[in-house]
Amino acid sequence: MYAIAEIDVARRAEVLALPKLAILEARAESSVLRISAENKIVKLSIKTGIAAVTPTGTDFEIIAGLTDGESADRCGPRRIQRRLGG
């Protein structure tokens, strides 16, 4: 006999969040990619907070590095490569 349960350990409203696919992680640092007005890839360092499992995947709270209104590519580096012809 077993059970599956979901337990909320933290909950925040009105946060800036991105899907896990959009976040790059290397050497304990997180970053996102964006395409500048000059059509160049820009890598921005970010700090993530709590994660939330959603029906479409996992979203991470962004607590530093991006502000509301700034955009980051939500589909990750492979999509950016295709958009730039790489």
C-alpha atoms as a PDB file:
ATOM      1  CA  MET A   1       0.000   0.000   0.000  1.00  0.00           C
ATOM      2  CA  TYR A   2       1.288   3.469  -0.810  1.00  0.00           C
ATOM      3  CA  ALA A   3       0.106   7.020  -1.277  1.00  0.00           C
ATOM      4  CA  ILE A   4       1.157   9.985  -3.376  1.00  0.00           C
ATOM      5  CA  ALA A   5       0.833  13.387  -1.762  1.00  0.00           C
ATOM      6  CA  GLU A   6       1.626  16.962  -2.707  1.00  0.00           C
ATOM      7  CA  ILE A   7       2.667  19.232   0.139  1.00  0.00           C
ATOM      8  CA  ASP A   8       3.079  22.993  -0.219  1.00  0.00           C
ATOM      9  CA  VAL A   9       6.123  24.098   1.755  1.00  0.00           C
ATOM     10  CA  ALA A  10       6.036  27.690   0.513  1.00  0.00           C
ATOM     11  CA  ARG A  11       3.653  29.754  -1.538  1.00  0.00           C
ATOM     12  CA  ARG A  12       4.141  33.221  -3.001  1.00  0.00           C
ATOM     13  CA  ALA A  13       1.799  35.305  -5.109  1.00  0.00           C
ATOM     14  CA  GLU A  14       2.692  37.686  -7.912  1.00  0.00           C
ATOM     15  CA  VAL A  15       6.253  36.470  -8.576  1.00  0.00           C
ATOM     16  CA  LEU A  16       8.401  36.605 -11.672  1.00  0.00           C
ATOM     17  CA  ALA A  17       8.913  33.012 -12.827  1.00  0.00           C
ATOM     18  CA  LEU A  18      10.373  31.125 -15.768  1.00  0.00           C
ATOM     19  CA  PRO A  19      10.113  27.500 -16.836  1.00  0.00           C
ATOM     20  CA  LYS A  20      13.072  25.249 -16.023  1.00  0.00           C
ATOM     21  CA  LEU A  21      13.748  24.841 -19.752  1.00  0.00           C
ATOM     22  CA  ALA A  22      14.596  28.560 -20.022  1.00  0.00           C
ATOM     23  CA  ILE A  23      17.179  28.494 -17.214  1.00  0.00           C
ATOM     24  CA  LEU A  24      20.791  27.511 -17.807  1.00  0.00           C
ATOM     25  CA  GLU A  25      22.691  26.050 -14.878  1.00  0.00           C
ATOM     26  CA  ALA A  26      26.477  25.708 -14.735  1.00  0.00           C
ATOM     27  CA  ARG A  27      28.831  25.581 -11.748  1.00  0.00           C
ATOM     28  CA  ALA A  28      26.088  26.437  -9.257  1.00  0.00           C
ATOM     29  CA  GLU A  29      25.152  29.564 -11.240  1.00  0.00           C
ATOM     30  CA  SER A  30      21.900  30.178 -13.075  1.00  0.00           C
ATOM     31  CA  SER A  31      21.413  32.351 -16.140  1.00  0.00           C
ATOM     32  CA  VAL A  32      18.964  33.025 -18.954  1.00  0.00           C
ATOM     33  CA  LEU A  33      19.434  33.984 -22.575  1.00  0.00           C
ATOM     34  CA  ARG A  34      17.744  36.799 -24.383  1.00  0.00           C
ATOM     35  CA  ILE A  35      18.000  38.261 -27.863  1.00  0.00           C
ATOM     36  CA  SER A  36      18.964  41.932 -27.918  1.00  0.00           C
ATOM     37  CA  ALA A  37      17.584  44.597 -30.237  1.00  0.00           C
ATOM     38  CA  GLU A  38      20.760  44.069 -32.307  1.00  0.00           C
ATOM     39  CA  ASN A  39      19.799  40.375 -32.741  1.00  0.00           C
ATOM     40  CA  LYS A  40      22.649  39.198 -30.487  1.00  0.00           C
ATOM     41  CA  ILE A  41      22.447  36.625 -27.724  1.00  0.00           C
ATOM     42  CA  VAL A  42      22.877  38.137 -24.268  1.00  0.00           C
ATOM     43  CA  LYS A  43      23.434  35.939 -21.205  1.00  0.00           C
ATOM     44  CA  LEU A  44      22.053  37.323 -17.949  1.00  0.00           C
ATOM     45  CA  SER A  45      22.973  35.936 -14.527  1.00  0.00           C
ATOM     46  CA  ILE A  46      19.955  35.318 -12.331  1.00  0.00           C
ATOM     47  CA  LYS A  47      19.175  34.025  -8.865  1.00  0.00           C
ATOM     48  CA  THR A  48      16.313  31.577  -8.494  1.00  0.00           C
ATOM     49  CA  GLY A  49      14.001  31.057  -5.558  1.00  0.00           C
ATOM     50  CA  ILE A  50      11.391  28.399  -4.958  1.00  0.00           C
ATOM     51  CA  ALA A  51      10.221  25.995  -7.647  1.00  0.00           C
ATOM     52  CA  ALA A  52       6.615  25.221  -8.499  1.00  0.00           C
ATOM     53  CA  VAL A  53       5.483  22.098 -10.296  1.00  0.00           C
ATOM     54  CA  THR A  54       2.812  23.030 -12.821  1.00  0.00           C
ATOM     55  CA  PRO A  55       0.817  20.926 -15.298  1.00  0.00           C
ATOM     56  CA  THR A  56       3.305  21.962 -18.020  1.00  0.00           C
ATOM     57  CA  GLY A  57       6.535  21.418 -16.062  1.00  0.00           C
ATOM     58  CA  THR A  58       8.501  23.162 -13.342  1.00  0.00           C
ATOM     59  CA  ASP A  59       8.674  26.946 -12.990  1.00  0.00           C
ATOM     60  CA  PHE A  60      11.321  28.729 -10.929  1.00  0.00           C
ATOM     61  CA  GLU A  61      10.866  32.019  -9.124  1.00  0.00           C
ATOM     62  CA  ILE A  62      13.374  34.657 -10.318  1.00  0.00           C
ATOM     63  CA  ILE A  63      14.501  36.741  -7.339  1.00  0.00           C
ATOM     64  CA  ALA A  64      17.406  38.641  -8.939  1.00  0.00           C
ATOM     65  CA  GLY A  65      18.773  39.386 -12.401  1.00  0.00           C
ATOM     66  CA  LEU A  66      15.512  40.071 -14.242  1.00  0.00           C
ATOM     67  CA  THR A  67      12.827  42.584 -13.476  1.00  0.00           C
ATOM     68  CA  ASP A  68       9.158  42.589 -14.363  1.00  0.00           C
ATOM     69  CA  GLY A  69       8.854  43.744 -17.954  1.00  0.00           C
ATOM     70  CA  GLU A  70      12.235  42.384 -19.075  1.00  0.00           C
ATOM     71  CA  SER A  71      12.029  39.398 -21.344  1.00  0.00           C
ATOM     72  CA  ALA A  72      14.010  36.194 -21.455  1.00  0.00           C
ATOM     73  CA  ASP A  73      13.649  33.416 -23.961  1.00  0.00           C
ATOM     74  CA  ARG A  74      11.152  31.068 -22.335  1.00  0.00           C
ATOM     75  CA  CYS A  75      11.976  28.085 -24.543  1.00  0.00           C
ATOM     76  CA  GLY A  76      15.700  27.738 -23.929  1.00  0.00           C
ATOM     77  CA  PRO A  77      18.929  27.855 -25.905  1.00  0.00           C
ATOM     78  CA  ARG A  78      17.952  25.422 -28.691  1.00  0.00           C
ATOM     79  CA  ARG A  79      15.142  27.692 -29.816  1.00  0.00           C
ATOM     80  CA  ILE A  80      17.444  30.716 -29.816  1.00  0.00           C
ATOM     81  CA  GLN A  81      19.932  28.848 -32.028  1.00  0.00           C
ATOM     82  CA  ARG A  82      17.168  28.037 -34.515  1.00  0.00           C
ATOM     83  CA  ARG A  83      15.944  31.660 -34.538  1.00  0.00           C
ATOM     84  CA  LEU A  84      19.461  32.924 -35.273  1.00  0.00           C
ATOM     85  CA  GLY A  85      20.119  30.313 -37.939  1.00  0.00           C
ATOM     86  CA  GLY A  86      22.548  28.203 -35.850  1.00  0.00           C
END
